[in-house]
Structure formats: C-alpha cells, structure tokens
C-alpha cells in the first residue's frame, strides 16, 4: 500500500486542505505534507487518525499473495529459528576477564 497516494486521494475526496486535515488529526501541515510526499511514513495509528479526519475509515485486509506468510514459509522460518537457538545454546556463557587474541605477523619492516 502506498500511504502517500492513499492520503492524497482521501484528502481529495474530502475536499479539505492539508491545514484542515492536519488540524482535525492533531498534527501539523508540514508533517501531513511529508506523509503525502512520501518523505515520512505514518504509523498505523497516525494513518487511521489522518484518514478519520477526512471521513474515511482504515480497513485492514488480507496481504497480497507475495507478502502472505504461507505454511511452507512459516515452517522454514521456524527451522531457522530453531537452528539459531541451538547455536546460541552451545556458545560459551562465561567470558574471560581478559581479551585474548592471536598475535598477527608483523609485515613491512
């Protein structure tokens, strides 16, 4: 979803100016302008408030197919997470009080 286009279209349908929408939504005209130009992205709550100021309602629908989390993708992610947790469990818990590192050969003398 392109929030900038959604905001511009909603404001256009309402016939309100940026100043009027911003005032109704409790924000500044400059901030609304940044959202409408795509320079900033509003949070879901702010988007809901801005759309409400234009008389629109934010509705959440299913994600498009390429973004939807399929069972296969969820299972693959779960396996990766299990691998990361297993790796974390074998890492040493206590740390040495002194940093130790191998001596590097000195070159260029």
N, C-alpha and C. Protein backbone atom coordinates (compact mmCIF):
# COMPACT_ATOMS: atom_id res chain seq x y z
N UNK A 1 0.85 -1.18 0.00
CA UNK A 1 0.00 0.00 0.00
C UNK A 1 0.89 1.24 0.00
N UNK A 2 0.57 2.16 -0.85
CA UNK A 2 1.30 3.42 -0.91
C UNK A 2 0.52 4.43 -0.07
N UNK A 3 0.98 4.64 1.16
CA UNK A 3 0.25 5.51 2.09
C UNK A 3 0.16 6.94 1.58
N UNK A 4 1.18 7.41 0.87
CA UNK A 4 1.14 8.78 0.35
C UNK A 4 -0.04 8.94 -0.61
N UNK A 5 -0.19 7.99 -1.53
CA UNK A 5 -1.29 8.07 -2.50
C UNK A 5 -2.64 7.94 -1.81
N UNK A 6 -2.71 7.07 -0.80
CA UNK A 6 -3.96 6.89 -0.06
C UNK A 6 -4.36 8.18 0.63
N UNK A 7 -3.40 8.84 1.26
CA UNK A 7 -3.69 10.09 1.97
C UNK A 7 -4.11 11.21 1.01
N UNK A 8 -3.41 11.33 -0.10
CA UNK A 8 -3.75 12.38 -1.08
C UNK A 8 -5.15 12.13 -1.63
N UNK A 9 -5.45 10.87 -1.96
CA UNK A 9 -6.77 10.54 -2.51
C UNK A 9 -7.88 10.80 -1.49
N UNK A 10 -7.64 10.42 -0.23
CA UNK A 10 -8.64 10.62 0.81
C UNK A 10 -8.89 12.11 1.03
N UNK A 11 -7.83 12.88 1.05
CA UNK A 11 -7.98 14.33 1.24
C UNK A 11 -8.69 14.94 0.05
N UNK A 12 -8.37 14.46 -1.15
CA UNK A 12 -9.03 14.96 -2.36
C UNK A 12 -10.53 14.68 -2.34
N UNK A 13 -10.91 13.46 -1.93
CA UNK A 13 -12.33 13.11 -1.84
C UNK A 13 -13.05 13.97 -0.80
N UNK A 14 -12.34 14.32 0.26
CA UNK A 14 -12.98 15.09 1.33
C UNK A 14 -13.13 16.57 0.99
N UNK A 15 -12.30 17.05 0.06
CA UNK A 15 -12.33 18.46 -0.30
C UNK A 15 -11.66 19.36 0.73
N UNK A 16 -10.90 18.77 1.64
CA UNK A 16 -10.23 19.53 2.70
C UNK A 16 -8.81 19.89 2.29
N UNK A 17 -8.29 20.95 2.88
CA UNK A 17 -6.90 21.34 2.65
C UNK A 17 -6.01 20.56 3.62
N UNK A 18 -4.72 20.61 3.37
CA UNK A 18 -3.76 19.97 4.29
C UNK A 18 -3.89 20.58 5.68
N UNK A 19 -4.05 21.88 5.75
CA UNK A 19 -4.17 22.56 7.05
C UNK A 19 -5.38 22.03 7.81
N UNK A 20 -6.51 21.88 7.11
CA UNK A 20 -7.74 21.42 7.77
C UNK A 20 -7.60 19.97 8.25
N UNK A 21 -7.06 19.12 7.41
CA UNK A 21 -6.87 17.70 7.80
C UNK A 21 -5.90 17.61 8.96
N UNK A 22 -4.81 18.33 8.89
CA UNK A 22 -3.80 18.30 9.95
C UNK A 22 -4.40 18.75 11.28
N UNK A 23 -5.17 19.83 11.24
CA UNK A 23 -5.79 20.35 12.47
C UNK A 23 -6.75 19.31 13.04
N UNK A 24 -7.58 18.70 12.20
CA UNK A 24 -8.53 17.69 12.66
C UNK A 24 -7.83 16.45 13.24
N UNK A 25 -6.67 16.13 12.67
CA UNK A 25 -5.95 14.93 13.10
C UNK A 25 -4.98 15.20 14.24
N UNK A 26 -4.81 16.47 14.59
CA UNK A 26 -3.92 16.81 15.69
C UNK A 26 -2.45 16.76 15.33
N UNK A 27 -2.14 17.13 14.09
CA UNK A 27 -0.74 17.18 13.66
C UNK A 27 -0.51 18.48 12.91
N UNK A 28 0.68 18.66 12.38
CA UNK A 28 0.98 19.89 11.66
C UNK A 28 0.80 19.68 10.16
N UNK A 29 0.62 20.78 9.46
CA UNK A 29 0.51 20.73 8.00
C UNK A 29 1.81 20.22 7.40
N UNK A 30 2.94 20.60 7.98
CA UNK A 30 4.24 20.16 7.46
C UNK A 30 4.39 18.65 7.56
N UNK A 31 3.93 18.10 8.67
CA UNK A 31 4.00 16.65 8.85
C UNK A 31 3.09 15.94 7.85
N UNK A 32 1.88 16.45 7.68
CA UNK A 32 0.96 15.85 6.71
C UNK A 32 1.55 15.93 5.31
N UNK A 33 2.16 17.05 4.99
CA UNK A 33 2.81 17.21 3.68
C UNK A 33 3.90 16.16 3.49
N UNK A 34 4.69 15.92 4.53
CA UNK A 34 5.76 14.91 4.45
C UNK A 34 5.17 13.52 4.23
N UNK A 35 4.05 13.22 4.86
CA UNK A 35 3.38 11.93 4.64
C UNK A 35 2.86 11.83 3.21
N UNK A 36 2.24 12.89 2.73
CA UNK A 36 1.67 12.88 1.37
C UNK A 36 2.74 12.84 0.29
N UNK A 37 3.92 13.36 0.58
CA UNK A 37 5.02 13.34 -0.39
C UNK A 37 5.87 12.08 -0.29
N UNK A 38 5.58 11.25 0.70
CA UNK A 38 6.35 10.02 0.87
C UNK A 38 7.67 10.21 1.58
N UNK A 39 7.92 11.42 2.10
CA UNK A 39 9.16 11.66 2.82
C UNK A 39 9.15 10.99 4.19
N UNK A 40 7.95 10.81 4.75
CA UNK A 40 7.78 10.12 6.03
C UNK A 40 6.66 9.11 5.86
N UNK A 41 6.69 8.06 6.68
CA UNK A 41 5.63 7.06 6.66
C UNK A 41 4.93 7.07 8.01
N UNK A 42 3.62 7.28 8.01
CA UNK A 42 2.90 7.32 9.28
C UNK A 42 2.75 5.93 9.88
N UNK A 43 2.66 5.87 11.19
CA UNK A 43 2.34 4.60 11.84
C UNK A 43 0.89 4.27 11.51
N UNK A 44 0.47 3.06 11.81
CA UNK A 44 -0.90 2.65 11.54
C UNK A 44 -1.88 3.54 12.31
N UNK A 45 -1.55 3.84 13.55
CA UNK A 45 -2.41 4.70 14.36
C UNK A 45 -2.55 6.10 13.79
N UNK A 46 -1.44 6.66 13.33
CA UNK A 46 -1.47 8.00 12.74
C UNK A 46 -2.23 7.97 11.42
N UNK A 47 -2.01 6.94 10.62
CA UNK A 47 -2.73 6.81 9.35
C UNK A 47 -4.23 6.73 9.60
N UNK A 48 -4.61 5.97 10.60
CA UNK A 48 -6.02 5.84 10.96
C UNK A 48 -6.60 7.20 11.36
N UNK A 49 -5.84 7.97 12.14
CA UNK A 49 -6.28 9.29 12.58
C UNK A 49 -6.40 10.25 11.40
N UNK A 50 -5.43 10.21 10.49
CA UNK A 50 -5.46 11.10 9.33
C UNK A 50 -6.63 10.76 8.41
N UNK A 51 -6.84 9.48 8.17
CA UNK A 51 -7.97 9.08 7.32
C UNK A 51 -9.29 9.44 8.00
N UNK A 52 -9.36 9.26 9.31
CA UNK A 52 -10.56 9.63 10.05
C UNK A 52 -10.88 11.11 9.92
N UNK A 53 -9.83 11.93 9.86
CA UNK A 53 -10.01 13.38 9.72
C UNK A 53 -10.62 13.73 8.37
N UNK A 54 -10.47 12.83 7.38
CA UNK A 54 -11.05 13.07 6.05
C UNK A 54 -12.41 12.39 5.91
N UNK A 55 -12.84 11.71 6.96
CA UNK A 55 -14.12 10.99 6.89
C UNK A 55 -13.98 9.57 6.37
N UNK A 56 -12.76 9.10 6.20
CA UNK A 56 -12.50 7.74 5.71
C UNK A 56 -12.21 6.82 6.89
N UNK A 57 -12.32 5.52 6.66
CA UNK A 57 -12.04 4.52 7.68
C UNK A 57 -10.95 3.60 7.16
N UNK A 58 -9.96 3.34 7.99
CA UNK A 58 -8.88 2.42 7.63
C UNK A 58 -9.36 1.00 7.88
N UNK A 59 -9.31 0.16 6.85
CA UNK A 59 -9.68 -1.24 6.98
C UNK A 59 -8.47 -2.08 6.61
N UNK A 60 -8.21 -3.09 7.42
CA UNK A 60 -7.08 -3.98 7.16
C UNK A 60 -7.62 -5.21 6.45
N UNK A 61 -7.05 -5.51 5.30
CA UNK A 61 -7.47 -6.67 4.51
C UNK A 61 -6.31 -7.66 4.44
N UNK A 62 -6.56 -8.80 3.85
CA UNK A 62 -5.50 -9.79 3.69
C UNK A 62 -4.36 -9.22 2.87
N UNK A 63 -3.16 -9.69 3.18
CA UNK A 63 -1.99 -9.24 2.45
C UNK A 63 -1.99 -9.87 1.06
N UNK A 64 -1.36 -9.22 0.08
CA UNK A 64 -1.23 -9.83 -1.24
C UNK A 64 -0.47 -11.14 -1.15
N UNK A 65 -0.68 -12.01 -2.11
CA UNK A 65 -0.07 -13.34 -2.11
C UNK A 65 1.42 -13.36 -1.87
N UNK A 66 2.17 -12.44 -2.50
CA UNK A 66 3.63 -12.48 -2.35
C UNK A 66 4.07 -12.07 -0.96
N UNK A 67 3.20 -11.41 -0.20
CA UNK A 67 3.56 -11.00 1.15
C UNK A 67 2.97 -11.91 2.22
N UNK A 68 1.99 -12.69 1.83
CA UNK A 68 1.34 -13.55 2.81
C UNK A 68 2.31 -14.62 3.30
N UNK A 69 2.19 -14.98 4.55
CA UNK A 69 3.06 -15.99 5.12
C UNK A 69 2.40 -17.35 4.92
N UNK A 70 2.99 -18.14 4.06
CA UNK A 70 2.45 -19.46 3.80
C UNK A 70 2.93 -20.44 4.87
N UNK A 71 2.27 -21.57 4.96
CA UNK A 71 2.69 -22.59 5.94
C UNK A 71 4.12 -23.06 5.64
N UNK A 72 4.45 -23.19 4.36
CA UNK A 72 5.80 -23.63 3.97
C UNK A 72 6.84 -22.61 4.42
N UNK A 73 6.55 -21.33 4.19
CA UNK A 73 7.49 -20.27 4.59
C UNK A 73 7.59 -20.19 6.11
N UNK A 74 6.47 -20.36 6.79
CA UNK A 74 6.46 -20.33 8.25
C UNK A 74 7.29 -21.48 8.81
N UNK A 75 7.17 -22.67 8.21
CA UNK A 75 7.94 -23.84 8.67
C UNK A 75 9.43 -23.61 8.45
N UNK A 76 9.81 -23.03 7.32
CA UNK A 76 11.22 -22.76 7.04
C UNK A 76 11.77 -21.74 8.04
N UNK A 77 10.99 -20.73 8.35
CA UNK A 77 11.42 -19.73 9.33
C UNK A 77 11.56 -20.35 10.71
N UNK A 78 10.65 -21.24 11.07
CA UNK A 78 10.71 -21.92 12.36
C UNK A 78 11.96 -22.78 12.46
N UNK A 79 12.32 -23.46 11.37
CA UNK A 79 13.54 -24.29 11.37
C UNK A 79 14.78 -23.42 11.55
N UNK A 80 14.82 -22.27 10.85
CA UNK A 80 15.96 -21.36 11.00
C UNK A 80 16.06 -20.83 12.42
N UNK A 81 14.94 -20.50 13.00
CA UNK A 81 14.93 -20.00 14.38
C UNK A 81 15.43 -21.08 15.34
N UNK A 82 15.00 -22.32 15.13
CA UNK A 82 15.46 -23.42 15.97
C UNK A 82 16.97 -23.60 15.83
N UNK A 83 17.50 -23.45 14.61
CA UNK A 83 18.94 -23.56 14.39
C UNK A 83 19.69 -22.45 15.13
N UNK A 84 19.16 -21.25 15.10
CA UNK A 84 19.80 -20.12 15.79
C UNK A 84 19.80 -20.35 17.30
N UNK A 85 18.68 -20.84 17.83
CA UNK A 85 18.60 -21.11 19.26
C UNK A 85 19.57 -22.22 19.65
N UNK A 86 19.66 -23.27 18.82
CA UNK A 86 20.60 -24.36 19.11
C UNK A 86 22.04 -23.85 19.10
N UNK A 87 22.36 -22.98 18.17
CA UNK A 87 23.70 -22.40 18.12
C UNK A 87 23.97 -21.56 19.36
N UNK A 88 23.01 -20.77 19.76
CA UNK A 88 23.17 -19.92 20.94
C UNK A 88 23.40 -20.75 22.20
N UNK A 89 22.77 -21.91 22.26
CA UNK A 89 22.92 -22.77 23.44
C UNK A 89 24.31 -23.37 23.57
N UNK A 90 25.05 -23.52 22.48
CA UNK A 90 26.39 -24.10 22.57
C UNK A 90 27.48 -23.05 22.71
N UNK A 91 27.14 -21.79 22.58
CA UNK A 91 28.14 -20.74 22.76
C UNK A 91 28.48 -20.62 24.24
N UNK A 92 29.74 -20.28 24.54
CA UNK A 92 30.11 -20.14 25.95
C UNK A 92 29.35 -19.01 26.63
N UNK A 93 28.96 -19.28 27.86
CA UNK A 93 28.19 -18.30 28.61
C UNK A 93 29.10 -17.34 29.36
N UNK A 94 30.16 -17.88 29.98
CA UNK A 94 31.05 -17.02 30.76
C UNK A 94 32.10 -16.41 29.85
N UNK A 95 32.51 -15.24 30.20
CA UNK A 95 33.50 -14.53 29.41
C UNK A 95 34.81 -14.49 30.18
N UNK A 96 35.89 -14.52 29.43
CA UNK A 96 37.21 -14.41 30.04
C UNK A 96 37.39 -12.98 30.54
N UNK A 97 38.03 -12.81 31.70
CA UNK A 97 38.23 -11.45 32.23
C UNK A 97 39.19 -10.62 31.37
N UNK A 98 39.99 -11.30 30.56
CA UNK A 98 40.98 -10.60 29.74
C UNK A 98 40.75 -10.96 28.28
N UNK A 99 40.81 -9.98 27.41
CA UNK A 99 40.63 -10.22 25.99
C UNK A 99 41.89 -10.89 25.44
N UNK A 100 41.69 -12.01 24.80
CA UNK A 100 42.82 -12.74 24.21
C UNK A 100 42.60 -12.83 22.71
N UNK A 101 43.69 -12.68 22.00
CA UNK A 101 43.61 -12.77 20.55
C UNK A 101 44.96 -13.26 20.04
N UNK A 102 44.97 -13.88 18.88
CA UNK A 102 46.24 -14.38 18.36
C UNK A 102 47.12 -13.23 17.87
N UNK A 103 48.40 -13.38 18.04
CA UNK A 103 49.34 -12.37 17.54
C UNK A 103 49.36 -12.45 16.02
N UNK A 104 49.32 -11.30 15.39
CA UNK A 104 49.37 -11.25 13.94
C UNK A 104 50.82 -11.02 13.53
N UNK A 105 51.22 -11.64 12.43
CA UNK A 105 52.60 -11.43 11.99
C UNK A 105 52.81 -9.98 11.54
N UNK A 106 53.96 -9.46 11.90
CA UNK A 106 54.29 -8.08 11.52
C UNK A 106 54.95 -8.13 10.17
N UNK A 107 54.39 -7.36 9.24
CA UNK A 107 54.95 -7.34 7.88
C UNK A 107 55.36 -5.91 7.54
N UNK A 108 56.23 -5.78 6.56
CA UNK A 108 56.63 -4.47 6.09
C UNK A 108 57.72 -3.80 6.89
N UNK A 109 58.52 -4.55 7.66
CA UNK A 109 59.62 -3.93 8.41
C UNK A 109 60.90 -3.99 7.64
